Protein backbone atom coordinates (compact mmCIF):
# COMPACT_ATOMS: atom_id res chain seq x y z
CA MET A 1 112.30 115.07 58.07
CA ILE A 2 113.58 118.26 57.35
CA GLU A 3 111.81 121.11 59.16
CA GLY A 4 111.07 123.94 56.99
CA ASP A 5 113.23 126.79 58.99
CA GLU A 6 116.56 124.36 58.94
CA MET A 7 116.46 124.35 54.96
CA SER A 8 116.91 127.44 52.78
CA ASN A 9 116.90 128.08 48.76
CA ASN A 10 115.85 130.95 47.07
CA LEU A 11 113.50 129.18 44.46
CA LEU A 12 110.57 131.86 45.43
CA GLU A 13 112.68 135.02 45.69
CA GLY A 14 111.09 137.74 44.69
CA ASN A 15 107.84 135.95 45.30
CA VAL A 16 104.97 137.54 47.92
CA ALA A 17 102.87 134.83 49.76
CA VAL A 18 99.67 135.92 51.26
CA VAL A 19 99.24 132.90 53.73
CA ILE A 20 95.30 132.94 55.33
CA GLY A 21 95.28 131.33 58.65
CA GLY A 22 98.37 131.64 58.94
CA SER A 23 98.33 131.72 63.33
CA GLY A 24 97.37 128.01 62.63
CA GLY A 25 99.34 124.61 62.65
CA ILE A 26 99.59 124.17 59.22
CA GLY A 27 99.90 128.21 58.79
CA LYS A 28 103.10 128.94 60.59
CA ALA A 29 104.49 125.95 58.68
CA THR A 30 103.43 127.01 55.62
CA ALA A 31 104.78 130.92 56.22
CA ARG A 32 108.24 129.24 57.28
CA ARG A 33 108.58 127.39 54.50
CA LEU A 34 107.79 129.66 51.58
CA ALA A 35 110.00 132.12 53.65
CA SER A 36 113.17 129.63 54.15
CA SER A 37 112.54 129.49 50.27
CA GLY A 38 112.91 133.38 49.69
CA ALA A 39 109.36 134.61 49.68
CA ARG A 40 108.25 137.96 51.56
CA VAL A 41 105.46 136.14 53.29
CA VAL A 42 101.94 137.96 54.35
CA VAL A 43 101.15 136.28 57.74
CA VAL A 44 97.17 136.64 58.66
CA GLY A 45 95.50 135.90 61.49
CA ASN A 46 92.13 136.04 62.37
CA THR A 47 91.62 138.31 65.77
CA ASP A 48 94.96 138.18 67.07
CA LEU A 49 97.58 140.47 65.87
CA LYS A 50 100.02 140.34 68.20
CA ALA A 51 100.23 136.60 67.85
CA VAL A 52 100.26 137.02 63.64
CA GLU A 53 103.09 139.67 64.18
CA GLU A 54 105.76 137.47 66.25
CA ILE A 55 105.04 134.67 63.48
CA ALA A 56 106.15 137.16 60.89
CA ARG A 57 109.15 138.54 62.69
CA ASN A 58 110.60 135.54 63.77
CA LEU A 59 110.71 133.94 59.97
CA PRO A 60 113.89 134.00 57.87
CA GLY A 61 114.20 136.47 54.97
CA GLU A 62 112.96 140.09 55.16
CA GLY A 63 110.08 142.24 54.14
CA HIS A 64 107.78 139.76 56.10
CA MET A 65 104.14 141.27 57.24
CA ALA A 66 101.63 140.47 59.54
CA ALA A 67 98.05 141.33 59.08
CA LEU A 68 94.42 140.65 60.36
CA ALA A 69 91.49 139.23 57.91
CA SER A 70 88.48 137.08 58.42
CA ILE A 71 88.16 134.50 55.78
CA ALA A 72 83.85 134.41 56.77
CA ASP A 73 84.30 138.23 56.00
CA SER A 74 84.62 139.70 52.30
CA ALA A 75 84.81 143.11 53.90
CA THR A 76 88.08 142.40 55.50
CA LEU A 77 89.56 140.46 52.43
CA ALA A 78 89.07 143.26 50.65
CA THR A 79 90.47 145.35 52.95
CA LEU A 80 93.96 142.81 53.15
CA THR A 81 94.30 142.94 49.44
CA GLN A 82 94.71 146.43 49.45
CA LEU A 83 97.04 146.33 52.08
CA VAL A 84 99.18 144.33 49.91
CA ARG A 85 98.67 146.11 46.79
CA GLY A 86 100.53 148.98 48.60
CA ARG A 87 103.00 147.19 50.47
CA TYR A 88 104.19 145.43 48.01
CA ALA A 89 102.15 146.19 44.91
CA LYS A 90 101.81 142.21 43.90
CA ALA A 91 100.77 139.29 45.16
CA ASP A 92 102.12 135.61 43.17
CA ILE A 93 100.59 132.96 45.86
CA LEU A 94 97.55 132.88 48.03
CA VAL A 95 97.54 129.84 50.25
CA ASN A 96 93.72 129.22 52.13
CA THR A 97 95.09 127.37 55.52
CA ALA A 98 91.98 128.83 57.83
CA GLY A 99 89.12 126.93 58.60
CA LEU A 100 86.61 125.71 61.03
CA THR A 101 85.06 122.49 62.45
CA LYS A 102 83.02 120.61 65.53
CA PRO A 103 82.32 117.35 65.82
CA VAL A 104 79.17 116.13 65.51
CA ASN A 105 78.44 111.68 64.67
CA HIS A 106 77.55 111.42 61.57
CA ALA A 107 74.57 109.20 62.56
CA ASP A 108 73.33 112.39 64.94
CA LEU A 109 71.17 113.94 62.17
CA ASP A 110 69.52 116.90 64.56
CA ALA A 111 72.75 117.99 66.13
CA LEU A 112 74.30 118.84 62.70
CA THR A 113 71.57 121.75 62.64
CA ASP A 114 70.61 124.73 60.21
CA GLU A 115 73.43 126.94 61.94
CA LEU A 116 76.33 124.65 61.78
CA ILE A 117 75.82 123.76 58.19
CA ASP A 118 75.59 127.44 57.19
CA GLU A 119 79.03 127.98 59.55
CA MET A 120 80.51 124.82 57.55
CA PHE A 121 80.02 126.55 54.34
CA ARG A 122 80.59 130.08 54.81
CA VAL A 123 84.05 129.17 56.22
CA ASN A 124 85.63 126.05 54.91
CA TRP A 125 84.03 126.56 51.17
CA ARG A 126 82.74 130.71 50.67
CA GLY A 127 85.37 132.29 52.36
CA GLN A 128 88.20 130.33 50.29
CA PHE A 129 86.41 131.43 47.09
CA ALA A 130 86.08 135.09 48.51
CA ALA A 131 89.65 135.23 49.26
CA ILE A 132 90.56 134.10 45.74
CA ARG A 133 88.29 136.70 44.05
CA ALA A 134 89.32 139.51 46.52
CA PHE A 135 93.32 138.62 45.20
CA ARG A 136 92.33 137.90 41.89
CA GLU A 137 93.55 140.54 39.74
CA LEU A 138 97.08 140.56 42.09
CA LEU A 139 97.55 137.18 41.41
CA ALA A 140 96.46 137.49 37.84
CA ALA A 141 98.94 140.19 37.08
CA SER A 142 101.94 138.38 38.57
CA GLY A 143 101.63 136.50 35.00
CA ASP A 144 102.04 132.89 37.29
CA GLY A 145 100.03 133.61 40.32
CA LEU A 146 99.15 130.55 42.77
CA VAL A 147 96.11 129.65 44.97
CA VAL A 148 96.72 126.50 47.54
CA ASN A 149 93.41 125.91 49.17
CA VAL A 150 94.38 123.05 52.42
CA SER A 151 91.50 120.53 51.34
CA SER A 152 90.30 117.42 53.06
CA ILE A 153 90.66 113.55 52.48
CA SER A 154 86.94 113.68 53.72
CA ALA A 155 86.07 115.29 50.46
CA THR A 156 86.36 111.70 49.25
CA THR A 157 86.17 109.55 52.21
CA GLY A 158 83.04 110.95 53.39
CA VAL A 159 84.63 109.68 57.07
CA GLY A 160 85.43 113.76 59.07
CA SER A 161 83.97 115.61 61.77
CA ASN A 162 81.16 116.06 60.67
CA ILE A 163 78.77 115.75 57.27
CA ALA A 164 79.04 119.35 56.19
CA TYR A 165 82.99 119.65 56.68
CA CYS A 166 82.66 116.11 54.68
CA ALA A 167 80.18 118.65 51.81
CA ALA A 168 82.16 121.55 52.06
CA LYS A 169 85.90 119.90 51.72
CA ALA A 170 84.49 118.33 48.77
CA GLY A 171 83.36 121.33 47.22
CA LEU A 172 85.98 122.99 47.97
CA ASP A 173 88.02 120.14 45.66
CA LEU A 174 85.43 121.19 42.94
CA MET A 175 86.49 124.50 42.99
CA ALA A 176 89.84 123.94 42.37
CA ALA A 177 88.80 122.25 38.89
CA SER A 178 86.34 124.42 38.06
CA LEU A 179 89.00 127.62 39.08
CA GLY A 180 92.28 125.87 37.41
CA ARG A 181 90.08 125.66 33.90
CA ALA A 182 88.86 129.11 34.58
CA LEU A 183 91.50 131.17 35.73
CA ALA A 184 94.57 129.48 33.70
CA PRO A 185 96.83 130.62 32.05
CA HIS A 186 97.87 132.94 34.23
CA ILE A 187 96.69 131.66 37.88
CA ARG A 188 96.91 128.12 39.08
CA VAL A 189 94.58 126.44 41.39
CA VAL A 190 96.01 123.19 43.14
CA ASN A 191 94.05 121.47 46.76
CA VAL A 192 96.21 119.62 49.36
CA SER A 193 94.79 117.35 51.01
CA PRO A 194 95.95 116.16 54.13
CA GLY A 195 94.25 113.37 56.39
CA VAL A 196 94.73 113.58 60.41
CA VAL A 197 97.03 116.32 61.12
CA ASP A 198 98.84 117.11 64.65
CA THR A 199 96.67 120.17 65.27
CA THR A 200 94.34 121.57 67.98
CA PHE A 201 92.37 122.14 64.25
CA VAL A 202 89.23 119.20 65.70
CA PRO A 203 88.15 119.84 69.30
CA GLY A 204 88.23 117.10 71.48
CA ARG A 205 91.27 115.12 69.48
CA GLY A 206 94.17 114.07 71.87
CA ALA A 207 97.23 111.78 71.70
CA ASP A 208 94.85 108.51 72.65
CA PHE A 209 92.79 109.58 69.00
CA ASN A 210 96.39 110.43 67.03
CA GLN A 211 98.15 107.11 68.40
CA LYS A 212 94.58 105.02 67.41
CA VAL A 213 95.05 106.59 63.60
CA ALA A 214 98.76 106.25 63.46
CA SER A 215 98.04 102.42 64.08
CA THR A 216 95.92 101.98 60.61
CA THR A 217 97.63 104.43 58.88
CA PRO A 218 99.91 102.25 56.19
CA LEU A 219 103.12 105.14 56.62
CA GLY A 220 102.36 104.37 60.71
CA ARG A 221 101.93 107.80 61.78
CA ILE A 222 99.84 111.05 61.44
CA GLY A 223 100.65 114.08 59.44
CA THR A 224 102.69 117.12 60.77
CA PRO A 225 101.95 120.56 60.06
CA ASP A 226 105.40 120.33 58.12
CA ASP A 227 104.26 117.62 56.15
CA ILE A 228 101.30 119.52 54.78
CA ALA A 229 103.61 123.01 54.46
CA ALA A 230 106.10 120.49 52.32
CA ALA A 231 103.38 119.74 49.71
CA ILE A 232 102.21 123.29 49.99
CA GLU A 233 106.21 124.71 49.19
CA ALA A 234 106.10 121.99 46.32
CA CYS A 235 103.33 123.29 44.25
CA ALA A 236 105.04 126.35 44.31
CA THR A 237 108.39 125.50 43.40
CA HIS A 238 108.56 122.16 42.06
CA LEU A 239 104.78 121.28 40.37
CA SER A 240 104.70 124.40 38.25
CA PHE A 241 102.46 122.29 35.46
CA ALA A 242 99.87 121.52 37.89
CA THR A 243 96.20 123.25 38.21
CA GLY A 244 93.09 122.17 38.89
CA THR A 245 93.34 119.00 40.75
CA THR A 246 94.09 118.23 44.45
CA LEU A 247 97.34 116.53 46.15
CA VAL A 248 96.53 114.00 48.49
CA VAL A 249 99.08 114.06 51.60
CA ASP A 250 97.94 111.51 54.03
CA GLY A 251 100.29 109.08 55.01
CA GLY A 252 98.05 106.70 52.82
CA ARG A 253 95.54 107.03 55.10
CA ARG A 254 92.65 106.77 52.73
CA LEU A 255 93.20 103.19 52.10
CA ASN A 256 92.14 102.25 54.70
């Protein structure tokens, strides 16, 4: 496997890419991949500016920027849009990798409280829509804008950290179909849908869980952040005729 920072091309030269959730495992790998392909990357974190500044500083190429915004706070997304407009005067790629979950047994209906359900949809559906809404004008102005949302195979399998999370991701896939139609031809919308990925995204999942999943996954391992980042990069560099669809990158996990 070729990691993103070990490869270099100019397929995205001149492009500006905004990666929301840029301090997470998939976000960092995506920022590195897009920068290696020549894009100037805006690495967006939630609360820790120093962390995303370090990520941006260590990316290949030049012209990168770090910023803070909460995907659950539309006002901060509007401010982010203005920062990008002021610095670059455009945005070509928006990647939504930010998300949140909490493990809840699907049979434990009482544990899935109204508050947690609202939080799942606020962070995993409404926030992605709000980010697209905020960047729509800049993306459309590029003439060839791209939105990539990170979904999950739980959207179709119904197997995931909790039922509300699965439902929010199903809604995210439907959003891609709806906006792929509504925003064409100037903006494409594609979802990348992982299975289990080796990050700390789901609290409480460690090496034992990962090994168990790997043993029952057709390709014999769980995903890495770079596996998902490579698919996101492909949406920008090679899959130029794809929109309104979801690309599954799960090692065959959903086949079980």
